[in-house]
């Protein structure tokens, strides 16, 4: 079980997801990962919000043993 889909959580899910014998559950309160280093460019109209928010399920889609659940822990 991984709590949070920030940089560390996504990296852990991808690393563990490459081990087919493991079942991985990733829990986050949102269904998207926000790339915060580019948040200032959204504030200055350099990028749209959709450019820095990626669906979590899309990030781990190639790992069938990784499940994504929305929730709070």
PDB file of N, CA and C in Angstrom:
ATOM      1  N   UNK A   1       0.861  -1.181   0.000  1.00  0.00           N
ATOM      2  CA  UNK A   1       0.000   0.000   0.000  1.00  0.00           C
ATOM      3  C   UNK A   1       0.895   1.227   0.000  1.00  0.00           C
ATOM      4  N   UNK A   2       0.625   2.131  -0.914  1.00  0.00           N
ATOM      5  CA  UNK A   2       1.350   3.392  -1.015  1.00  0.00           C
ATOM      6  C   UNK A   2       0.348   4.511  -0.791  1.00  0.00           C
ATOM      7  N   UNK A   3       0.652   5.374   0.149  1.00  0.00           N
ATOM      8  CA  UNK A   3      -0.233   6.498   0.461  1.00  0.00           C
ATOM      9  C   UNK A   3       0.341   7.743  -0.194  1.00  0.00           C
ATOM     10  N   UNK A   4      -0.402   8.283  -1.144  1.00  0.00           N
ATOM     11  CA  UNK A   4       0.005   9.512  -1.816  1.00  0.00           C
ATOM     12  C   UNK A   4       0.623   9.252  -3.175  1.00  0.00           C
ATOM     13  N   UNK A   5       0.179  10.004  -4.162  1.00  0.00           N
ATOM     14  CA  UNK A   5       0.685   9.858  -5.528  1.00  0.00           C
ATOM     15  C   UNK A   5       1.512  11.066  -5.929  1.00  0.00           C
ATOM     16  N   UNK A   6       2.344  11.520  -5.008  1.00  0.00           N
ATOM     17  CA  UNK A   6       3.300  12.570  -5.347  1.00  0.00           C
ATOM     18  C   UNK A   6       4.456  11.946  -6.101  1.00  0.00           C
ATOM     19  N   UNK A   7       5.572  12.667  -6.173  1.00  0.00           N
ATOM     20  CA  UNK A   7       6.737  12.128  -6.883  1.00  0.00           C
ATOM     21  C   UNK A   7       7.206  10.814  -6.277  1.00  0.00           C
ATOM     22  N   UNK A   8       7.285  10.752  -4.953  1.00  0.00           N
ATOM     23  CA  UNK A   8       7.746   9.529  -4.293  1.00  0.00           C
ATOM     24  C   UNK A   8       6.774   8.379  -4.456  1.00  0.00           C
ATOM     25  N   UNK A   9       5.488   8.650  -4.293  1.00  0.00           N
ATOM     26  CA  UNK A   9       4.473   7.611  -4.420  1.00  0.00           C
ATOM     27  C   UNK A   9       4.400   7.026  -5.815  1.00  0.00           C
ATOM     28  N   UNK A  10       4.462   7.888  -6.827  1.00  0.00           N
ATOM     29  CA  UNK A  10       4.428   7.390  -8.207  1.00  0.00           C
ATOM     30  C   UNK A  10       5.687   6.595  -8.548  1.00  0.00           C
ATOM     31  N   UNK A  11       6.821   7.064  -8.074  1.00  0.00           N
ATOM     32  CA  UNK A  11       8.066   6.333  -8.320  1.00  0.00           C
ATOM     33  C   UNK A  11       8.024   4.967  -7.656  1.00  0.00           C
ATOM     34  N   UNK A  12       7.537   4.923  -6.425  1.00  0.00           N
ATOM     35  CA  UNK A  12       7.419   3.643  -5.722  1.00  0.00           C
ATOM     36  C   UNK A  12       6.446   2.713  -6.439  1.00  0.00           C
ATOM     37  N   UNK A  13       5.312   3.244  -6.879  1.00  0.00           N
ATOM     38  CA  UNK A  13       4.316   2.417  -7.567  1.00  0.00           C
ATOM     39  C   UNK A  13       4.869   1.849  -8.868  1.00  0.00           C
ATOM     40  N   UNK A  14       5.609   2.647  -9.621  1.00  0.00           N
ATOM     41  CA  UNK A  14       6.183   2.170 -10.880  1.00  0.00           C
ATOM     42  C   UNK A  14       7.280   1.132 -10.622  1.00  0.00           C
ATOM     43  N   UNK A  15       8.095   1.383  -9.616  1.00  0.00           N
ATOM     44  CA  UNK A  15       9.165   0.434  -9.297  1.00  0.00           C
ATOM     45  C   UNK A  15       8.598  -0.896  -8.824  1.00  0.00           C
ATOM     46  N   UNK A  16       7.649  -0.835  -7.884  1.00  0.00           N
ATOM     47  CA  UNK A  16       7.035  -2.064  -7.384  1.00  0.00           C
ATOM     48  C   UNK A  16       6.145  -2.705  -8.440  1.00  0.00           C
ATOM     49  N   UNK A  17       5.532  -1.901  -9.288  1.00  0.00           N
ATOM     50  CA  UNK A  17       4.674  -2.422 -10.344  1.00  0.00           C
ATOM     51  C   UNK A  17       5.416  -3.255 -11.370  1.00  0.00           C
ATOM     52  N   UNK A  18       6.715  -3.028 -11.494  1.00  0.00           N
ATOM     53  CA  UNK A  18       7.496  -3.816 -12.445  1.00  0.00           C
ATOM     54  C   UNK A  18       7.764  -5.229 -11.926  1.00  0.00           C
ATOM     55  N   UNK A  19       7.470  -5.487 -10.656  1.00  0.00           N
ATOM     56  CA  UNK A  19       7.591  -6.828 -10.076  1.00  0.00           C
ATOM     57  C   UNK A  19       6.213  -7.492 -10.118  1.00  0.00           C
ATOM     58  N   UNK A  20       6.020  -8.348 -11.082  1.00  0.00           N
ATOM     59  CA  UNK A  20       4.701  -8.943 -11.349  1.00  0.00           C
ATOM     60  C   UNK A  20       4.132  -9.743 -10.180  1.00  0.00           C
ATOM     61  N   UNK A  21       4.994 -10.212  -9.286  1.00  0.00           N
ATOM     62  CA  UNK A  21       4.515 -11.030  -8.164  1.00  0.00           C
ATOM     63  C   UNK A  21       3.909 -10.186  -7.041  1.00  0.00           C
ATOM     64  N   UNK A  22       4.035  -8.876  -7.115  1.00  0.00           N
ATOM     65  CA  UNK A  22       3.494  -7.983  -6.075  1.00  0.00           C
ATOM     66  C   UNK A  22       2.166  -7.389  -6.497  1.00  0.00           C
ATOM     67  N   UNK A  23       1.313  -7.142  -5.523  1.00  0.00           N
ATOM     68  CA  UNK A  23       0.082  -6.392  -5.747  1.00  0.00           C
ATOM     69  C   UNK A  23       0.259  -5.045  -5.059  1.00  0.00           C
ATOM     70  N   UNK A  24       0.072  -3.979  -5.808  1.00  0.00           N
ATOM     71  CA  UNK A  24       0.327  -2.635  -5.310  1.00  0.00           C
ATOM     72  C   UNK A  24      -0.985  -1.849  -5.311  1.00  0.00           C
ATOM     73  N   UNK A  25      -1.253  -1.176  -4.205  1.00  0.00           N
ATOM     74  CA  UNK A  25      -2.419  -0.303  -4.094  1.00  0.00           C
ATOM     75  C   UNK A  25      -1.903   1.106  -3.817  1.00  0.00           C
ATOM     76  N   UNK A  26      -2.273   2.045  -4.677  1.00  0.00           N
ATOM     77  CA  UNK A  26      -1.867   3.439  -4.552  1.00  0.00           C
ATOM     78  C   UNK A  26      -3.101   4.251  -4.167  1.00  0.00           C
ATOM     79  N   UNK A  27      -3.025   4.945  -3.042  1.00  0.00           N
ATOM     80  CA  UNK A  27      -4.174   5.710  -2.527  1.00  0.00           C
ATOM     81  C   UNK A  27      -3.828   7.193  -2.527  1.00  0.00           C
ATOM     82  N   UNK A  28      -4.707   8.007  -3.101  1.00  0.00           N
ATOM     83  CA  UNK A  28      -4.533   9.455  -3.088  1.00  0.00           C
ATOM     84  C   UNK A  28      -5.917  10.096  -3.032  1.00  0.00           C
ATOM     85  N   UNK A  29      -5.978  11.296  -2.493  1.00  0.00           N
ATOM     86  CA  UNK A  29      -7.267  11.985  -2.381  1.00  0.00           C
ATOM     87  C   UNK A  29      -7.707  12.587  -3.712  1.00  0.00           C
ATOM     88  N   UNK A  30      -6.787  12.680  -4.671  1.00  0.00           N
ATOM     89  CA  UNK A  30      -7.117  13.204  -5.998  1.00  0.00           C
ATOM     90  C   UNK A  30      -6.846  12.130  -7.038  1.00  0.00           C
ATOM     91  N   UNK A  31      -7.458  12.253  -8.193  1.00  0.00           N
ATOM     92  CA  UNK A  31      -7.243  11.264  -9.248  1.00  0.00           C
ATOM     93  C   UNK A  31      -6.214  11.737 -10.273  1.00  0.00           C
ATOM     94  N   UNK A  32      -5.446  12.760  -9.924  1.00  0.00           N
ATOM     95  CA  UNK A  32      -4.427  13.285 -10.824  1.00  0.00           C
ATOM     96  C   UNK A  32      -3.169  13.632 -10.031  1.00  0.00           C
ATOM     97  N   UNK A  33      -2.054  13.622 -10.749  1.00  0.00           N
ATOM     98  CA  UNK A  33      -0.778  14.048 -10.172  1.00  0.00           C
ATOM     99  C   UNK A  33      -0.501  15.453 -10.687  1.00  0.00           C
ATOM    100  N   UNK A  34      -0.256  16.366  -9.782  1.00  0.00           N
ATOM    101  CA  UNK A  34       0.016  17.761 -10.137  1.00  0.00           C
ATOM    102  C   UNK A  34       1.522  17.981 -10.143  1.00  0.00           C
ATOM    103  N   UNK A  35       2.056  18.373 -11.291  1.00  0.00           N
ATOM    104  CA  UNK A  35       3.486  18.651 -11.414  1.00  0.00           C
ATOM    105  C   UNK A  35       3.719  20.077 -10.919  1.00  0.00           C
ATOM    106  N   UNK A  36       3.936  20.220  -9.624  1.00  0.00           N
ATOM    107  CA  UNK A  36       3.996  21.517  -8.974  1.00  0.00           C
ATOM    108  C   UNK A  36       5.134  22.424  -9.426  1.00  0.00           C
ATOM    109  N   UNK A  37       6.280  21.899  -9.871  1.00  0.00           N
ATOM    110  CA  UNK A  37       7.324  22.823 -10.311  1.00  0.00           C
ATOM    111  C   UNK A  37       6.893  23.756 -11.450  1.00  0.00           C
ATOM    112  N   UNK A  38       5.875  23.385 -12.219  1.00  0.00           N
ATOM    113  CA  UNK A  38       5.401  24.247 -13.302  1.00  0.00           C
ATOM    114  C   UNK A  38       4.150  25.036 -12.931  1.00  0.00           C
ATOM    115  N   UNK A  39       3.756  25.006 -11.685  1.00  0.00           N
ATOM    116  CA  UNK A  39       2.542  25.705 -11.253  1.00  0.00           C
ATOM    117  C   UNK A  39       2.627  27.207 -11.506  1.00  0.00           C
ATOM    118  N   UNK A  40       3.817  27.776 -11.361  1.00  0.00           N
ATOM    119  CA  UNK A  40       3.961  29.213 -11.594  1.00  0.00           C
ATOM    120  C   UNK A  40       3.651  29.591 -13.038  1.00  0.00           C
ATOM    121  N   UNK A  41       3.915  28.677 -13.997  1.00  0.00           N
ATOM    122  CA  UNK A  41       3.617  28.970 -15.391  1.00  0.00           C
ATOM    123  C   UNK A  41       2.120  28.977 -15.660  1.00  0.00           C
ATOM    124  N   UNK A  42       1.364  28.224 -14.900  1.00  0.00           N
ATOM    125  CA  UNK A  42      -0.099  28.278 -15.009  1.00  0.00           C
ATOM    126  C   UNK A  42      -0.581  29.614 -14.458  1.00  0.00           C
ATOM    127  N   UNK A  43       0.011  30.047 -13.342  1.00  0.00           N
ATOM    128  CA  UNK A  43      -0.387  31.312 -12.735  1.00  0.00           C
ATOM    129  C   UNK A  43      -0.084  32.505 -13.635  1.00  0.00           C
ATOM    130  N   UNK A  44       0.953  32.387 -14.463  1.00  0.00           N
ATOM    131  CA  UNK A  44       1.305  33.486 -15.360  1.00  0.00           C
ATOM    132  C   UNK A  44       0.771  33.268 -16.771  1.00  0.00           C
ATOM    133  N   UNK A  45      -0.147  32.334 -16.933  1.00  0.00           N
ATOM    134  CA  UNK A  45      -0.817  32.016 -18.201  1.00  0.00           C
ATOM    135  C   UNK A  45       0.138  31.471 -19.258  1.00  0.00           C
ATOM    136  N   UNK A  46       1.254  30.898 -18.833  1.00  0.00           N
ATOM    137  CA  UNK A  46       2.181  30.280 -19.768  1.00  0.00           C
ATOM    138  C   UNK A  46       1.759  28.880 -20.164  1.00  0.00           C
ATOM    139  N   UNK A  47       1.040  28.214 -19.286  1.00  0.00           N
ATOM    140  CA  UNK A  47       0.546  26.859 -19.529  1.00  0.00           C
ATOM    141  C   UNK A  47      -0.893  26.762 -19.045  1.00  0.00           C
ATOM    142  N   UNK A  48      -1.619  25.809 -19.596  1.00  0.00           N
ATOM    143  CA  UNK A  48      -2.965  25.552 -19.086  1.00  0.00           C
ATOM    144  C   UNK A  48      -2.863  24.543 -17.948  1.00  0.00           C
ATOM    145  N   UNK A  49      -3.822  24.530 -17.039  1.00  0.00           N
ATOM    146  CA  UNK A  49      -3.788  23.561 -15.932  1.00  0.00           C
ATOM    147  C   UNK A  49      -3.706  22.109 -16.396  1.00  0.00           C
ATOM    148  N   UNK A  50      -4.292  21.808 -17.546  1.00  0.00           N
ATOM    149  CA  UNK A  50      -4.259  20.434 -18.055  1.00  0.00           C
ATOM    150  C   UNK A  50      -2.844  20.001 -18.433  1.00  0.00           C
ATOM    151  N   UNK A  51      -1.956  20.958 -18.685  1.00  0.00           N
ATOM    152  CA  UNK A  51      -0.582  20.626 -19.052  1.00  0.00           C
ATOM    153  C   UNK A  51       0.253  20.129 -17.880  1.00  0.00           C
ATOM    154  N   UNK A  52      -0.158  20.429 -16.649  1.00  0.00           N
ATOM    155  CA  UNK A  52       0.650  20.020 -15.503  1.00  0.00           C
ATOM    156  C   UNK A  52      -0.074  19.027 -14.593  1.00  0.00           C
ATOM    157  N   UNK A  53      -1.267  18.617 -14.965  1.00  0.00           N
ATOM    158  CA  UNK A  53      -2.016  17.623 -14.190  1.00  0.00           C
ATOM    159  C   UNK A  53      -2.197  16.368 -15.044  1.00  0.00           C
ATOM    160  N   UNK A  54      -1.671  15.253 -14.554  1.00  0.00           N
ATOM    161  CA  UNK A  54      -1.713  13.992 -15.288  1.00  0.00           C
ATOM    162  C   UNK A  54      -2.544  12.992 -14.492  1.00  0.00           C
ATOM    163  N   UNK A  55      -3.509  12.310 -15.130  1.00  0.00           N
ATOM    164  CA  UNK A  55      -4.268  11.287 -14.406  1.00  0.00           C
ATOM    165  C   UNK A  55      -3.345  10.204 -13.838  1.00  0.00           C
ATOM    166  N   UNK A  56      -3.537   9.867 -12.580  1.00  0.00           N
ATOM    167  CA  UNK A  56      -2.691   8.864 -11.924  1.00  0.00           C
ATOM    168  C   UNK A  56      -2.807   7.520 -12.625  1.00  0.00           C
ATOM    169  N   UNK A  57      -4.021   7.154 -12.986  1.00  0.00           N
ATOM    170  CA  UNK A  57      -4.207   5.850 -13.644  1.00  0.00           C
ATOM    171  C   UNK A  57      -3.446   5.773 -14.964  1.00  0.00           C
ATOM    172  N   UNK A  58      -3.328   6.890 -15.661  1.00  0.00           N
ATOM    173  CA  UNK A  58      -2.563   6.898 -16.916  1.00  0.00           C
ATOM    174  C   UNK A  58      -1.077   6.682 -16.649  1.00  0.00           C
ATOM    175  N   UNK A  59      -0.589   7.179 -15.536  1.00  0.00           N
ATOM    176  CA  UNK A  59       0.826   7.019 -15.191  1.00  0.00           C
ATOM    177  C   UNK A  59       1.195   5.576 -14.867  1.00  0.00           C
ATOM    178  N   UNK A  60       0.263   4.806 -14.332  1.00  0.00           N
ATOM    179  CA  UNK A  60       0.559   3.419 -13.943  1.00  0.00           C
ATOM    180  C   UNK A  60      -0.196   2.400 -14.797  1.00  0.00           C
ATOM    181  N   UNK A  61      -0.728   2.837 -15.925  1.00  0.00           N
ATOM    182  CA  UNK A  61      -1.557   1.958 -16.764  1.00  0.00           C
ATOM    183  C   UNK A  61      -0.795   0.738 -17.283  1.00  0.00           C
ATOM    184  N   UNK A  62       0.499   0.862 -17.482  1.00  0.00           N
ATOM    185  CA  UNK A  62       1.253  -0.277 -18.028  1.00  0.00           C
ATOM    186  C   UNK A  62       1.581  -1.339 -16.987  1.00  0.00           C
ATOM    187  N   UNK A  63       1.195  -1.089 -15.751  1.00  0.00           N
ATOM    188  CA  UNK A  63       1.424  -2.043 -14.662  1.00  0.00           C
ATOM    189  C   UNK A  63       0.083  -2.619 -14.217  1.00  0.00           C
ATOM    190  N   UNK A  64      -0.290  -3.803 -14.700  1.00  0.00           N
ATOM    191  CA  UNK A  64      -1.597  -4.369 -14.356  1.00  0.00           C
ATOM    192  C   UNK A  64      -1.745  -4.736 -12.884  1.00  0.00           C
ATOM    193  N   UNK A  65      -0.643  -4.833 -12.158  1.00  0.00           N
ATOM    194  CA  UNK A  65      -0.711  -5.198 -10.747  1.00  0.00           C
ATOM    195  C   UNK A  65      -0.777  -3.962  -9.820  1.00  0.00           C
ATOM    196  N   UNK A  66      -0.944  -2.782 -10.400  1.00  0.00           N
ATOM    197  CA  UNK A  66      -1.078  -1.553  -9.602  1.00  0.00           C
ATOM    198  C   UNK A  66      -2.520  -1.075  -9.676  1.00  0.00           C
ATOM    199  N   UNK A  67      -3.159  -0.978  -8.524  1.00  0.00           N
ATOM    200  CA  UNK A  67      -4.519  -0.461  -8.421  1.00  0.00           C
ATOM    201  C   UNK A  67      -4.474   0.937  -7.833  1.00  0.00           C
ATOM    202  N   UNK A  68      -5.329   1.819  -8.348  1.00  0.00           N
ATOM    203  CA  UNK A  68      -5.393   3.192  -7.845  1.00  0.00           C
ATOM    204  C   UNK A  68      -6.750   3.398  -7.181  1.00  0.00           C
ATOM    205  N   UNK A  69      -6.727   3.896  -5.951  1.00  0.00           N
ATOM    206  CA  UNK A  69      -7.960   4.170  -5.227  1.00  0.00           C
ATOM    207  C   UNK A  69      -7.949   5.617  -4.744  1.00  0.00           C
ATOM    208  N   UNK A  70      -9.078   6.282  -4.890  1.00  0.00           N
ATOM    209  CA  UNK A  70      -9.218   7.625  -4.333  1.00  0.00           C
ATOM    210  C   UNK A  70      -9.685   7.498  -2.906  1.00  0.00           C
ATOM    211  N   UNK A  71      -9.027   8.195  -2.008  1.00  0.00           N
ATOM    212  CA  UNK A  71      -9.409   8.158  -0.614  1.00  0.00           C
ATOM    213  C   UNK A  71      -8.401   8.898   0.243  1.00  0.00           C
ATOM    214  N   UNK A  72      -8.722   9.004   1.505  1.00  0.00           N
ATOM    215  CA  UNK A  72      -7.829   9.656   2.456  1.00  0.00           C
ATOM    216  C   UNK A  72      -7.434   8.671   3.523  1.00  0.00           C
ATOM    217  N   UNK A  73      -6.205   8.753   3.966  1.00  0.00           N
ATOM    218  CA  UNK A  73      -5.693   7.859   5.002  1.00  0.00           C
ATOM    219  C   UNK A  73      -5.264   8.691   6.184  1.00  0.00           C
TER     220      UNK A  73
END
